[in-house]
């Protein structure tokens, strides 16, 4: 289980939201002084597919989800405190059964 941050200091936050799937997935971009980028977001109940350009690490902050990486037959359950990595030029399908799933996406 990972130790998730609860606060980011000294960052720039884009105020314009990234809105996907008719508002069912919403995030904000956070830029760090070392030029790294993360997004912080919410996923409402449903099933959604995302493609990746660069490799990503998804850290679940609150709630839970089920994930199937592109090319994998199996799905895996993730709850708060867990994370999964997605290769670049790939994708994943994420399902939130109930409530909200809150996440931090790091671009690796």
PDB file of N, CA and C in Angstrom:
ATOM      1  N   UNK A   1       0.845  -1.171   0.000  1.00  0.00           N
ATOM      2  CA  UNK A   1       0.000   0.000   0.000  1.00  0.00           C
ATOM      3  C   UNK A   1       0.895   1.240   0.000  1.00  0.00           C
ATOM      4  N   UNK A   2       0.534   2.221  -0.794  1.00  0.00           N
ATOM      5  CA  UNK A   2       1.355   3.417  -0.908  1.00  0.00           C
ATOM      6  C   UNK A   2       0.956   4.456   0.143  1.00  0.00           C
ATOM      7  N   UNK A   3       1.849   5.383   0.362  1.00  0.00           N
ATOM      8  CA  UNK A   3       1.586   6.508   1.253  1.00  0.00           C
ATOM      9  C   UNK A   3       1.205   7.693   0.374  1.00  0.00           C
ATOM     10  N   UNK A   4      -0.068   7.995   0.288  1.00  0.00           N
ATOM     11  CA  UNK A   4      -0.557   9.031  -0.609  1.00  0.00           C
ATOM     12  C   UNK A   4      -0.398  10.412  -0.004  1.00  0.00           C
ATOM     13  N   UNK A   5      -0.019  11.384  -0.833  1.00  0.00           N
ATOM     14  CA  UNK A   5       0.074  12.757  -0.332  1.00  0.00           C
ATOM     15  C   UNK A   5      -1.305  13.319  -0.036  1.00  0.00           C
ATOM     16  N   UNK A   6      -1.381  14.206   0.925  1.00  0.00           N
ATOM     17  CA  UNK A   6      -2.634  14.890   1.237  1.00  0.00           C
ATOM     18  C   UNK A   6      -2.568  16.371   0.874  1.00  0.00           C
ATOM     19  N   UNK A   7      -1.358  16.839   0.498  1.00  0.00           N
ATOM     20  CA  UNK A   7      -1.156  18.243   0.182  1.00  0.00           C
ATOM     21  C   UNK A   7       0.022  18.372  -0.775  1.00  0.00           C
ATOM     22  N   UNK A   8      -0.108  19.250  -1.749  1.00  0.00           N
ATOM     23  CA  UNK A   8       1.001  19.590  -2.643  1.00  0.00           C
ATOM     24  C   UNK A   8       1.312  21.066  -2.432  1.00  0.00           C
ATOM     25  N   UNK A   9       2.559  21.391  -2.121  1.00  0.00           N
ATOM     26  CA  UNK A   9       2.972  22.779  -1.905  1.00  0.00           C
ATOM     27  C   UNK A   9       3.768  23.288  -3.098  1.00  0.00           C
ATOM     28  N   UNK A  10       3.715  24.599  -3.345  1.00  0.00           N
ATOM     29  CA  UNK A  10       4.534  25.222  -4.370  1.00  0.00           C
ATOM     30  C   UNK A  10       4.221  24.778  -5.778  1.00  0.00           C
ATOM     31  N   UNK A  11       2.945  24.591  -6.086  1.00  0.00           N
ATOM     32  CA  UNK A  11       2.539  24.108  -7.401  1.00  0.00           C
ATOM     33  C   UNK A  11       1.683  25.148  -8.119  1.00  0.00           C
ATOM     34  N   UNK A  12       1.481  24.931  -9.401  1.00  0.00           N
ATOM     35  CA  UNK A  12       0.552  25.721 -10.201  1.00  0.00           C
ATOM     36  C   UNK A  12      -0.613  24.816 -10.573  1.00  0.00           C
ATOM     37  N   UNK A  13      -1.830  25.306 -10.374  1.00  0.00           N
ATOM     38  CA  UNK A  13      -3.020  24.517 -10.676  1.00  0.00           C
ATOM     39  C   UNK A  13      -3.790  25.193 -11.798  1.00  0.00           C
ATOM     40  N   UNK A  14      -4.134  24.422 -12.812  1.00  0.00           N
ATOM     41  CA  UNK A  14      -4.992  24.941 -13.883  1.00  0.00           C
ATOM     42  C   UNK A  14      -6.423  24.993 -13.349  1.00  0.00           C
ATOM     43  N   UNK A  15      -7.053  26.136 -13.442  1.00  0.00           N
ATOM     44  CA  UNK A  15      -8.409  26.271 -12.924  1.00  0.00           C
ATOM     45  C   UNK A  15      -9.455  25.684 -13.859  1.00  0.00           C
ATOM     46  N   UNK A  16      -9.145  25.589 -15.142  1.00  0.00           N
ATOM     47  CA  UNK A  16     -10.069  24.993 -16.095  1.00  0.00           C
ATOM     48  C   UNK A  16     -10.032  23.482 -15.924  1.00  0.00           C
ATOM     49  N   UNK A  17     -11.182  22.891 -15.656  1.00  0.00           N
ATOM     50  CA  UNK A  17     -11.276  21.449 -15.427  1.00  0.00           C
ATOM     51  C   UNK A  17     -11.133  20.667 -16.727  1.00  0.00           C
ATOM     52  N   UNK A  18     -10.602  19.469 -16.601  1.00  0.00           N
ATOM     53  CA  UNK A  18     -10.615  18.473 -17.679  1.00  0.00           C
ATOM     54  C   UNK A  18     -11.887  17.665 -17.460  1.00  0.00           C
ATOM     55  N   UNK A  19     -12.840  17.739 -18.369  1.00  0.00           N
ATOM     56  CA  UNK A  19     -14.137  17.095 -18.189  1.00  0.00           C
ATOM     57  C   UNK A  19     -14.310  16.018 -19.263  1.00  0.00           C
ATOM     58  N   UNK A  20     -14.597  14.803 -18.810  1.00  0.00           N
ATOM     59  CA  UNK A  20     -14.757  13.659 -19.710  1.00  0.00           C
ATOM     60  C   UNK A  20     -16.106  12.988 -19.450  1.00  0.00           C
ATOM     61  N   UNK A  21     -16.597  12.283 -20.457  1.00  0.00           N
ATOM     62  CA  UNK A  21     -17.798  11.455 -20.323  1.00  0.00           C
ATOM     63  C   UNK A  21     -18.961  12.233 -19.708  1.00  0.00           C
ATOM     64  N   UNK A  22     -19.266  13.378 -20.334  1.00  0.00           N
ATOM     65  CA  UNK A  22     -20.409  14.207 -19.914  1.00  0.00           C
ATOM     66  C   UNK A  22     -20.360  14.580 -18.436  1.00  0.00           C
ATOM     67  N   UNK A  23     -19.152  14.830 -17.924  1.00  0.00           N
ATOM     68  CA  UNK A  23     -18.998  15.265 -16.547  1.00  0.00           C
ATOM     69  C   UNK A  23     -18.885  14.149 -15.526  1.00  0.00           C
ATOM     70  N   UNK A  24     -18.838  12.913 -15.988  1.00  0.00           N
ATOM     71  CA  UNK A  24     -18.733  11.780 -15.054  1.00  0.00           C
ATOM     72  C   UNK A  24     -17.309  11.568 -14.556  1.00  0.00           C
ATOM     73  N   UNK A  25     -16.333  12.150 -15.250  1.00  0.00           N
ATOM     74  CA  UNK A  25     -14.929  12.134 -14.823  1.00  0.00           C
ATOM     75  C   UNK A  25     -14.418  13.564 -14.967  1.00  0.00           C
ATOM     76  N   UNK A  26     -13.923  14.122 -13.860  1.00  0.00           N
ATOM     77  CA  UNK A  26     -13.462  15.510 -13.854  1.00  0.00           C
ATOM     78  C   UNK A  26     -12.122  15.575 -13.122  1.00  0.00           C
ATOM     79  N   UNK A  27     -11.164  16.292 -13.713  1.00  0.00           N
ATOM     80  CA  UNK A  27      -9.868  16.448 -13.044  1.00  0.00           C
ATOM     81  C   UNK A  27      -9.331  17.855 -13.263  1.00  0.00           C
ATOM     82  N   UNK A  28      -8.316  18.194 -12.475  1.00  0.00           N
ATOM     83  CA  UNK A  28      -7.579  19.448 -12.619  1.00  0.00           C
ATOM     84  C   UNK A  28      -6.101  19.116 -12.732  1.00  0.00           C
ATOM     85  N   UNK A  29      -5.404  19.844 -13.590  1.00  0.00           N
ATOM     86  CA  UNK A  29      -3.977  19.641 -13.810  1.00  0.00           C
ATOM     87  C   UNK A  29      -3.169  20.434 -12.786  1.00  0.00           C
ATOM     88  N   UNK A  30      -2.148  19.751 -12.230  1.00  0.00           N
ATOM     89  CA  UNK A  30      -1.245  20.352 -11.260  1.00  0.00           C
ATOM     90  C   UNK A  30       0.170  20.274 -11.843  1.00  0.00           C
ATOM     91  N   UNK A  31       0.834  21.423 -11.936  1.00  0.00           N
ATOM     92  CA  UNK A  31       2.197  21.488 -12.467  1.00  0.00           C
ATOM     93  C   UNK A  31       3.170  21.763 -11.325  1.00  0.00           C
ATOM     94  N   UNK A  32       4.264  21.008 -11.298  1.00  0.00           N
ATOM     95  CA  UNK A  32       5.258  21.120 -10.238  1.00  0.00           C
ATOM     96  C   UNK A  32       6.467  21.909 -10.720  1.00  0.00           C
ATOM     97  N   UNK A  33       7.233  22.496  -9.785  1.00  0.00           N
ATOM     98  CA  UNK A  33       8.406  23.296 -10.172  1.00  0.00           C
ATOM     99  C   UNK A  33       9.428  22.527 -11.007  1.00  0.00           C
ATOM    100  N   UNK A  34       9.492  21.206 -10.868  1.00  0.00           N
ATOM    101  CA  UNK A  34      10.444  20.404 -11.646  1.00  0.00           C
ATOM    102  C   UNK A  34       9.887  19.986 -13.007  1.00  0.00           C
ATOM    103  N   UNK A  35       8.771  20.622 -13.428  1.00  0.00           N
ATOM    104  CA  UNK A  35       8.103  20.375 -14.712  1.00  0.00           C
ATOM    105  C   UNK A  35       7.344  19.054 -14.790  1.00  0.00           C
ATOM    106  N   UNK A  36       7.174  18.349 -13.664  1.00  0.00           N
ATOM    107  CA  UNK A  36       6.311  17.174 -13.689  1.00  0.00           C
ATOM    108  C   UNK A  36       4.862  17.621 -13.605  1.00  0.00           C
ATOM    109  N   UNK A  37       3.969  16.718 -14.018  1.00  0.00           N
ATOM    110  CA  UNK A  37       2.551  17.032 -14.076  1.00  0.00           C
ATOM    111  C   UNK A  37       1.745  15.897 -13.465  1.00  0.00           C
ATOM    112  N   UNK A  38       0.698  16.268 -12.751  1.00  0.00           N
ATOM    113  CA  UNK A  38      -0.259  15.319 -12.210  1.00  0.00           C
ATOM    114  C   UNK A  38      -1.653  15.867 -12.479  1.00  0.00           C
ATOM    115  N   UNK A  39      -2.637  14.988 -12.421  1.00  0.00           N
ATOM    116  CA  UNK A  39      -4.019  15.444 -12.388  1.00  0.00           C
ATOM    117  C   UNK A  39      -4.665  14.875 -11.133  1.00  0.00           C
ATOM    118  N   UNK A  40      -5.564  15.654 -10.561  1.00  0.00           N
ATOM    119  CA  UNK A  40      -6.344  15.238  -9.399  1.00  0.00           C
ATOM    120  C   UNK A  40      -7.788  15.194  -9.847  1.00  0.00           C
ATOM    121  N   UNK A  41      -8.461  14.049  -9.601  1.00  0.00           N
ATOM    122  CA  UNK A  41      -9.798  13.967 -10.141  1.00  0.00           C
ATOM    123  C   UNK A  41     -10.770  13.099  -9.389  1.00  0.00           C
ATOM    124  N   UNK A  42     -12.000  13.133  -9.899  1.00  0.00           N
ATOM    125  CA  UNK A  42     -13.135  12.370  -9.390  1.00  0.00           C
ATOM    126  C   UNK A  42     -13.727  11.555 -10.522  1.00  0.00           C
ATOM    127  N   UNK A  43     -14.136  10.336 -10.190  1.00  0.00           N
ATOM    128  CA  UNK A  43     -14.834   9.487 -11.153  1.00  0.00           C
ATOM    129  C   UNK A  43     -16.165   9.071 -10.527  1.00  0.00           C
ATOM    130  N   UNK A  44     -17.254   9.388 -11.212  1.00  0.00           N
ATOM    131  CA  UNK A  44     -18.582   8.995 -10.761  1.00  0.00           C
ATOM    132  C   UNK A  44     -18.873   7.573 -11.233  1.00  0.00           C
ATOM    133  N   UNK A  45     -19.892   6.926 -10.666  1.00  0.00           N
ATOM    134  CA  UNK A  45     -20.198   5.549 -11.057  1.00  0.00           C
ATOM    135  C   UNK A  45     -20.386   5.401 -12.573  1.00  0.00           C
ATOM    136  N   UNK A  46     -19.834   4.314 -13.102  1.00  0.00           N
ATOM    137  CA  UNK A  46     -19.916   4.003 -14.521  1.00  0.00           C
ATOM    138  C   UNK A  46     -18.657   3.286 -14.953  1.00  0.00           C
ATOM    139  N   UNK A  47     -18.587   3.013 -16.250  1.00  0.00           N
ATOM    140  CA  UNK A  47     -17.427   2.352 -16.848  1.00  0.00           C
ATOM    141  C   UNK A  47     -16.891   3.249 -17.950  1.00  0.00           C
ATOM    142  N   UNK A  48     -15.568   3.492 -17.924  1.00  0.00           N
ATOM    143  CA  UNK A  48     -14.939   4.448 -18.836  1.00  0.00           C
ATOM    144  C   UNK A  48     -13.616   3.885 -19.338  1.00  0.00           C
ATOM    145  N   UNK A  49     -13.304   4.182 -20.596  1.00  0.00           N
ATOM    146  CA  UNK A  49     -12.014   3.768 -21.159  1.00  0.00           C
ATOM    147  C   UNK A  49     -11.165   5.007 -21.432  1.00  0.00           C
ATOM    148  N   UNK A  50      -9.903   4.934 -21.025  1.00  0.00           N
ATOM    149  CA  UNK A  50      -8.943   6.006 -21.261  1.00  0.00           C
ATOM    150  C   UNK A  50      -7.745   5.461 -22.017  1.00  0.00           C
ATOM    151  N   UNK A  51      -7.273   6.215 -22.991  1.00  0.00           N
ATOM    152  CA  UNK A  51      -6.033   5.900 -23.678  1.00  0.00           C
ATOM    153  C   UNK A  51      -4.907   6.705 -23.048  1.00  0.00           C
ATOM    154  N   UNK A  52      -3.689   6.196 -23.166  1.00  0.00           N
ATOM    155  CA  UNK A  52      -2.532   6.898 -22.615  1.00  0.00           C
ATOM    156  C   UNK A  52      -1.556   7.242 -23.721  1.00  0.00           C
ATOM    157  N   UNK A  53      -0.937   8.406 -23.607  1.00  0.00           N
ATOM    158  CA  UNK A  53       0.183   8.764 -24.463  1.00  0.00           C
ATOM    159  C   UNK A  53       1.459   8.352 -23.758  1.00  0.00           C
ATOM    160  N   UNK A  54       1.689   8.949 -22.594  1.00  0.00           N
ATOM    161  CA  UNK A  54       2.846   8.638 -21.754  1.00  0.00           C
ATOM    162  C   UNK A  54       2.423   7.626 -20.690  1.00  0.00           C
ATOM    163  N   UNK A  55       3.380   6.934 -20.087  1.00  0.00           N
ATOM    164  CA  UNK A  55       3.047   6.046 -18.962  1.00  0.00           C
ATOM    165  C   UNK A  55       2.435   6.854 -17.818  1.00  0.00           C
ATOM    166  N   UNK A  56       1.520   6.225 -17.082  1.00  0.00           N
ATOM    167  CA  UNK A  56       0.818   6.887 -15.987  1.00  0.00           C
ATOM    168  C   UNK A  56       0.784   5.987 -14.760  1.00  0.00           C
ATOM    169  N   UNK A  57       0.724   6.623 -13.604  1.00  0.00           N
ATOM    170  CA  UNK A  57       0.454   5.920 -12.346  1.00  0.00           C
ATOM    171  C   UNK A  57      -0.822   6.521 -11.770  1.00  0.00           C
ATOM    172  N   UNK A  58      -1.802   5.667 -11.544  1.00  0.00           N
ATOM    173  CA  UNK A  58      -3.067   6.089 -10.941  1.00  0.00           C
ATOM    174  C   UNK A  58      -3.084   5.650  -9.484  1.00  0.00           C
ATOM    175  N   UNK A  59      -3.184   6.642  -8.578  1.00  0.00           N
ATOM    176  CA  UNK A  59      -3.247   6.369  -7.151  1.00  0.00           C
ATOM    177  C   UNK A  59      -4.663   6.663  -6.678  1.00  0.00           C
ATOM    178  N   UNK A  60      -5.286   5.706  -6.042  1.00  0.00           N
ATOM    179  CA  UNK A  60      -6.655   5.872  -5.566  1.00  0.00           C
ATOM    180  C   UNK A  60      -6.607   6.517  -4.183  1.00  0.00           C
ATOM    181  N   UNK A  61      -7.202   7.693  -4.074  1.00  0.00           N
ATOM    182  CA  UNK A  61      -7.190   8.475  -2.838  1.00  0.00           C
ATOM    183  C   UNK A  61      -8.374   8.104  -1.952  1.00  0.00           C
ATOM    184  N   UNK A  62      -9.539   7.923  -2.552  1.00  0.00           N
ATOM    185  CA  UNK A  62     -10.754   7.576  -1.807  1.00  0.00           C
ATOM    186  C   UNK A  62     -11.680   6.794  -2.722  1.00  0.00           C
ATOM    187  N   UNK A  63     -12.530   5.975  -2.128  1.00  0.00           N
ATOM    188  CA  UNK A  63     -13.437   5.160  -2.911  1.00  0.00           C
ATOM    189  C   UNK A  63     -12.739   3.925  -3.447  1.00  0.00           C
ATOM    190  N   UNK A  64     -13.332   3.336  -4.466  1.00  0.00           N
ATOM    191  CA  UNK A  64     -12.758   2.132  -5.056  1.00  0.00           C
ATOM    192  C   UNK A  64     -13.158   2.027  -6.521  1.00  0.00           C
ATOM    193  N   UNK A  65     -12.433   1.157  -7.224  1.00  0.00           N
ATOM    194  CA  UNK A  65     -12.698   0.956  -8.642  1.00  0.00           C
ATOM    195  C   UNK A  65     -12.192  -0.427  -9.053  1.00  0.00           C
ATOM    196  N   UNK A  66     -12.565  -0.809 -10.235  1.00  0.00           N
ATOM    197  CA  UNK A  66     -12.076  -2.041 -10.849  1.00  0.00           C
ATOM    198  C   UNK A  66     -11.436  -1.633 -12.166  1.00  0.00           C
ATOM    199  N   UNK A  67     -10.246  -2.185 -12.464  1.00  0.00           N
ATOM    200  CA  UNK A  67      -9.476  -1.757 -13.625  1.00  0.00           C
ATOM    201  C   UNK A  67      -9.082  -2.952 -14.477  1.00  0.00           C
ATOM    202  N   UNK A  68      -9.201  -2.763 -15.789  1.00  0.00           N
ATOM    203  CA  UNK A  68      -8.691  -3.734 -16.754  1.00  0.00           C
ATOM    204  C   UNK A  68      -7.757  -2.986 -17.698  1.00  0.00           C
ATOM    205  N   UNK A  69      -6.481  -3.344 -17.655  1.00  0.00           N
ATOM    206  CA  UNK A  69      -5.508  -2.744 -18.562  1.00  0.00           C
ATOM    207  C   UNK A  69      -5.720  -3.288 -19.963  1.00  0.00           C
ATOM    208  N   UNK A  70      -5.517  -2.462 -20.976  1.00  0.00           N
ATOM    209  CA  UNK A  70      -5.633  -2.928 -22.354  1.00  0.00           C
ATOM    210  C   UNK A  70      -4.725  -4.131 -22.554  1.00  0.00           C
ATOM    211  N   UNK A  71      -5.256  -5.163 -23.189  1.00  0.00           N
ATOM    212  CA  UNK A  71      -4.485  -6.368 -23.466  1.00  0.00           C
ATOM    213  C   UNK A  71      -4.539  -7.410 -22.374  1.00  0.00           C
ATOM    214  N   UNK A  72      -5.078  -7.059 -21.210  1.00  0.00           N
ATOM    215  CA  UNK A  72      -5.216  -8.017 -20.103  1.00  0.00           C
ATOM    216  C   UNK A  72      -6.645  -8.530 -20.057  1.00  0.00           C
ATOM    217  N   UNK A  73      -6.799  -9.817 -19.784  1.00  0.00           N
ATOM    218  CA  UNK A  73      -8.132 -10.397 -19.639  1.00  0.00           C
ATOM    219  C   UNK A  73      -8.689 -10.158 -18.242  1.00  0.00           C
ATOM    220  N   UNK A  74      -7.797 -10.066 -17.252  1.00  0.00           N
ATOM    221  CA  UNK A  74      -8.214  -9.945 -15.858  1.00  0.00           C
ATOM    222  C   UNK A  74      -8.500  -8.503 -15.476  1.00  0.00           C
ATOM    223  N   UNK A  75      -9.380  -8.356 -14.496  1.00  0.00           N
ATOM    224  CA  UNK A  75      -9.612  -7.059 -13.875  1.00  0.00           C
ATOM    225  C   UNK A  75      -9.107  -7.131 -12.440  1.00  0.00           C
ATOM    226  N   UNK A  76      -8.750  -5.974 -11.895  1.00  0.00           N
ATOM    227  CA  UNK A  76      -8.226  -5.900 -10.537  1.00  0.00           C
ATOM    228  C   UNK A  76      -8.972  -4.827  -9.774  1.00  0.00           C
ATOM    229  N   UNK A  77      -9.290  -5.112  -8.515  1.00  0.00           N
ATOM    230  CA  UNK A  77      -9.956  -4.144  -7.641  1.00  0.00           C
ATOM    231  C   UNK A  77      -8.909  -3.273  -6.960  1.00  0.00           C
ATOM    232  N   UNK A  78      -9.193  -1.975  -6.889  1.00  0.00           N
ATOM    233  CA  UNK A  78      -8.310  -1.019  -6.225  1.00  0.00           C
ATOM    234  C   UNK A  78      -9.143  -0.182  -5.271  1.00  0.00           C
ATOM    235  N   UNK A  79      -8.663  -0.066  -4.047  1.00  0.00           N
ATOM    236  CA  UNK A  79      -9.306   0.769  -3.030  1.00  0.00           C
ATOM    237  C   UNK A  79      -8.337   1.873  -2.643  1.00  0.00           C
ATOM    238  N   UNK A  80      -8.794   2.780  -1.803  1.00  0.00           N
ATOM    239  CA  UNK A  80      -7.959   3.896  -1.348  1.00  0.00           C
ATOM    240  C   UNK A  80      -6.629   3.384  -0.817  1.00  0.00           C
ATOM    241  N   UNK A  81      -5.561   4.063  -1.245  1.00  0.00           N
ATOM    242  CA  UNK A  81      -4.217   3.693  -0.820  1.00  0.00           C
ATOM    243  C   UNK A  81      -3.493   2.781  -1.791  1.00  0.00           C
ATOM    244  N   UNK A  82      -4.182   2.288  -2.803  1.00  0.00           N
ATOM    245  CA  UNK A  82      -3.550   1.417  -3.799  1.00  0.00           C
ATOM    246  C   UNK A  82      -3.334   2.197  -5.087  1.00  0.00           C
ATOM    247  N   UNK A  83      -2.447   1.676  -5.933  1.00  0.00           N
ATOM    248  CA  UNK A  83      -2.159   2.332  -7.215  1.00  0.00           C
ATOM    249  C   UNK A  83      -1.931   1.291  -8.292  1.00  0.00           C
ATOM    250  N   UNK A  84      -2.018   1.751  -9.546  1.00  0.00           N
ATOM    251  CA  UNK A  84      -1.694   0.884 -10.680  1.00  0.00           C
ATOM    252  C   UNK A  84      -1.002   1.719 -11.739  1.00  0.00           C
ATOM    253  N   UNK A  85      -0.149   1.067 -12.510  1.00  0.00           N
ATOM    254  CA  UNK A  85       0.600   1.723 -13.580  1.00  0.00           C
ATOM    255  C   UNK A  85       0.026   1.310 -14.933  1.00  0.00           C
ATOM    256  N   UNK A  86      -0.013   2.269 -15.835  1.00  0.00           N
ATOM    257  CA  UNK A  86      -0.500   2.034 -17.193  1.00  0.00           C
ATOM    258  C   UNK A  86       0.630   2.380 -18.153  1.00  0.00           C
ATOM    259  N   UNK A  87       0.994   1.464 -19.049  1.00  0.00           N
ATOM    260  CA  UNK A  87       2.057   1.771 -20.013  1.00  0.00           C
ATOM    261  C   UNK A  87       1.650   2.908 -20.949  1.00  0.00           C
ATOM    262  N   UNK A  88       2.643   3.575 -21.513  1.00  0.00           N
ATOM    263  CA  UNK A  88       2.388   4.580 -22.534  1.00  0.00           C
ATOM    264  C   UNK A  88       1.851   3.936 -23.797  1.00  0.00           C
ATOM    265  N   UNK A  89       1.149   4.717 -24.602  1.00  0.00           N
ATOM    266  CA  UNK A  89       0.561   4.235 -25.853  1.00  0.00           C
ATOM    267  C   UNK A  89      -0.296   3.006 -25.614  1.00  0.00           C
ATOM    268  N   UNK A  90      -1.076   3.039 -24.547  1.00  0.00           N
ATOM    269  CA  UNK A  90      -1.920   1.922 -24.150  1.00  0.00           C
ATOM    270  C   UNK A  90      -3.237   2.493 -23.646  1.00  0.00           C
ATOM    271  N   UNK A  91      -3.819   1.845 -22.656  1.00  0.00           N
ATOM    272  CA  UNK A  91      -5.049   2.354 -22.075  1.00  0.00           C
ATOM    273  C   UNK A  91      -5.575   1.429 -21.009  1.00  0.00           C
ATOM    274  N   UNK A  92      -6.718   1.822 -20.445  1.00  0.00           N
ATOM    275  CA  UNK A  92      -7.344   1.023 -19.403  1.00  0.00           C
ATOM    276  C   UNK A  92      -8.835   1.345 -19.346  1.00  0.00           C
ATOM    277  N   UNK A  93      -9.583   0.377 -18.846  1.00  0.00           N
ATOM    278  CA  UNK A  93     -11.000   0.570 -18.587  1.00  0.00           C
ATOM    279  C   UNK A  93     -11.175   0.574 -17.074  1.00  0.00           C
ATOM    280  N   UNK A  94     -11.851   1.599 -16.574  1.00  0.00           N
ATOM    281  CA  UNK A  94     -12.061   1.737 -15.138  1.00  0.00           C
ATOM    282  C   UNK A  94     -13.557   1.750 -14.857  1.00  0.00           C
ATOM    283  N   UNK A  95     -13.951   0.981 -13.842  1.00  0.00           N
ATOM    284  CA  UNK A  95     -15.351   0.900 -13.441  1.00  0.00           C
ATOM    285  C   UNK A  95     -15.475   1.304 -11.980  1.00  0.00           C
ATOM    286  N   UNK A  96     -16.378   2.232 -11.723  1.00  0.00           N
ATOM    287  CA  UNK A  96     -16.724   2.622 -10.360  1.00  0.00           C
ATOM    288  C   UNK A  96     -18.159   2.157 -10.151  1.00  0.00           C
ATOM    289  N   UNK A  97     -18.342   1.253  -9.192  1.00  0.00           N
ATOM    290  CA  UNK A  97     -19.661   0.658  -8.982  1.00  0.00           C
ATOM    291  C   UNK A  97     -20.594   1.586  -8.215  1.00  0.00           C
ATOM    292  N   UNK A  98     -20.067   2.296  -7.222  1.00  0.00           N
ATOM    293  CA  UNK A  98     -20.911   3.161  -6.392  1.00  0.00           C
ATOM    294  C   UNK A  98     -20.050   4.248  -5.764  1.00  0.00           C
ATOM    295  N   UNK A  99     -20.684   5.352  -5.412  1.00  0.00           N
ATOM    296  CA  UNK A  99     -19.970   6.440  -4.762  1.00  0.00           C
ATOM    297  C   UNK A  99     -19.012   7.126  -5.717  1.00  0.00           C
ATOM    298  N   UNK A 100     -18.033   7.816  -5.156  1.00  0.00           N
ATOM    299  CA  UNK A 100     -17.011   8.503  -5.942  1.00  0.00           C
ATOM    300  C   UNK A 100     -15.674   7.803  -5.770  1.00  0.00           C
ATOM    301  N   UNK A 101     -14.892   7.802  -6.828  1.00  0.00           N
ATOM    302  CA  UNK A 101     -13.498   7.356  -6.762  1.00  0.00           C
ATOM    303  C   UNK A 101     -12.644   8.596  -6.987  1.00  0.00           C
ATOM    304  N   UNK A 102     -11.792   8.929  -6.019  1.00  0.00           N
ATOM    305  CA  UNK A 102     -10.905  10.073  -6.125  1.00  0.00           C
ATOM    306  C   UNK A 102      -9.498   9.556  -6.437  1.00  0.00           C
ATOM    307  N   UNK A 103      -8.791  10.262  -7.329  1.00  0.00           N
ATOM    308  CA  UNK A 103      -7.486   9.760  -7.758  1.00  0.00           C
ATOM    309  C   UNK A 103      -6.477  10.873  -7.974  1.00  0.00           C
ATOM    310  N   UNK A 104      -5.209  10.447  -7.977  1.00  0.00           N
ATOM    311  CA  UNK A 104      -4.083  11.268  -8.431  1.00  0.00           C
ATOM    312  C   UNK A 104      -3.454  10.507  -9.593  1.00  0.00           C
ATOM    313  N   UNK A 105      -3.361  11.157 -10.722  1.00  0.00           N
ATOM    314  CA  UNK A 105      -2.708  10.554 -11.895  1.00  0.00           C
ATOM    315  C   UNK A 105      -1.358  11.246 -12.094  1.00  0.00           C
ATOM    316  N   UNK A 106      -0.291  10.465 -12.035  1.00  0.00           N
ATOM    317  CA  UNK A 106       1.062  10.986 -12.276  1.00  0.00           C
ATOM    318  C   UNK A 106       1.512  10.560 -13.650  1.00  0.00           C
ATOM    319  N   UNK A 107       2.053  11.496 -14.405  1.00  0.00           N
ATOM    320  CA  UNK A 107       2.572  11.199 -15.725  1.00  0.00           C
ATOM    321  C   UNK A 107       4.059  10.888 -15.572  1.00  0.00           C
ATOM    322  N   UNK A 108       4.417   9.646 -15.861  1.00  0.00           N
ATOM    323  CA  UNK A 108       5.770   9.148 -15.577  1.00  0.00           C
ATOM    324  C   UNK A 108       6.739   9.410 -16.702  1.00  0.00           C
TER     325      UNK A 108
END
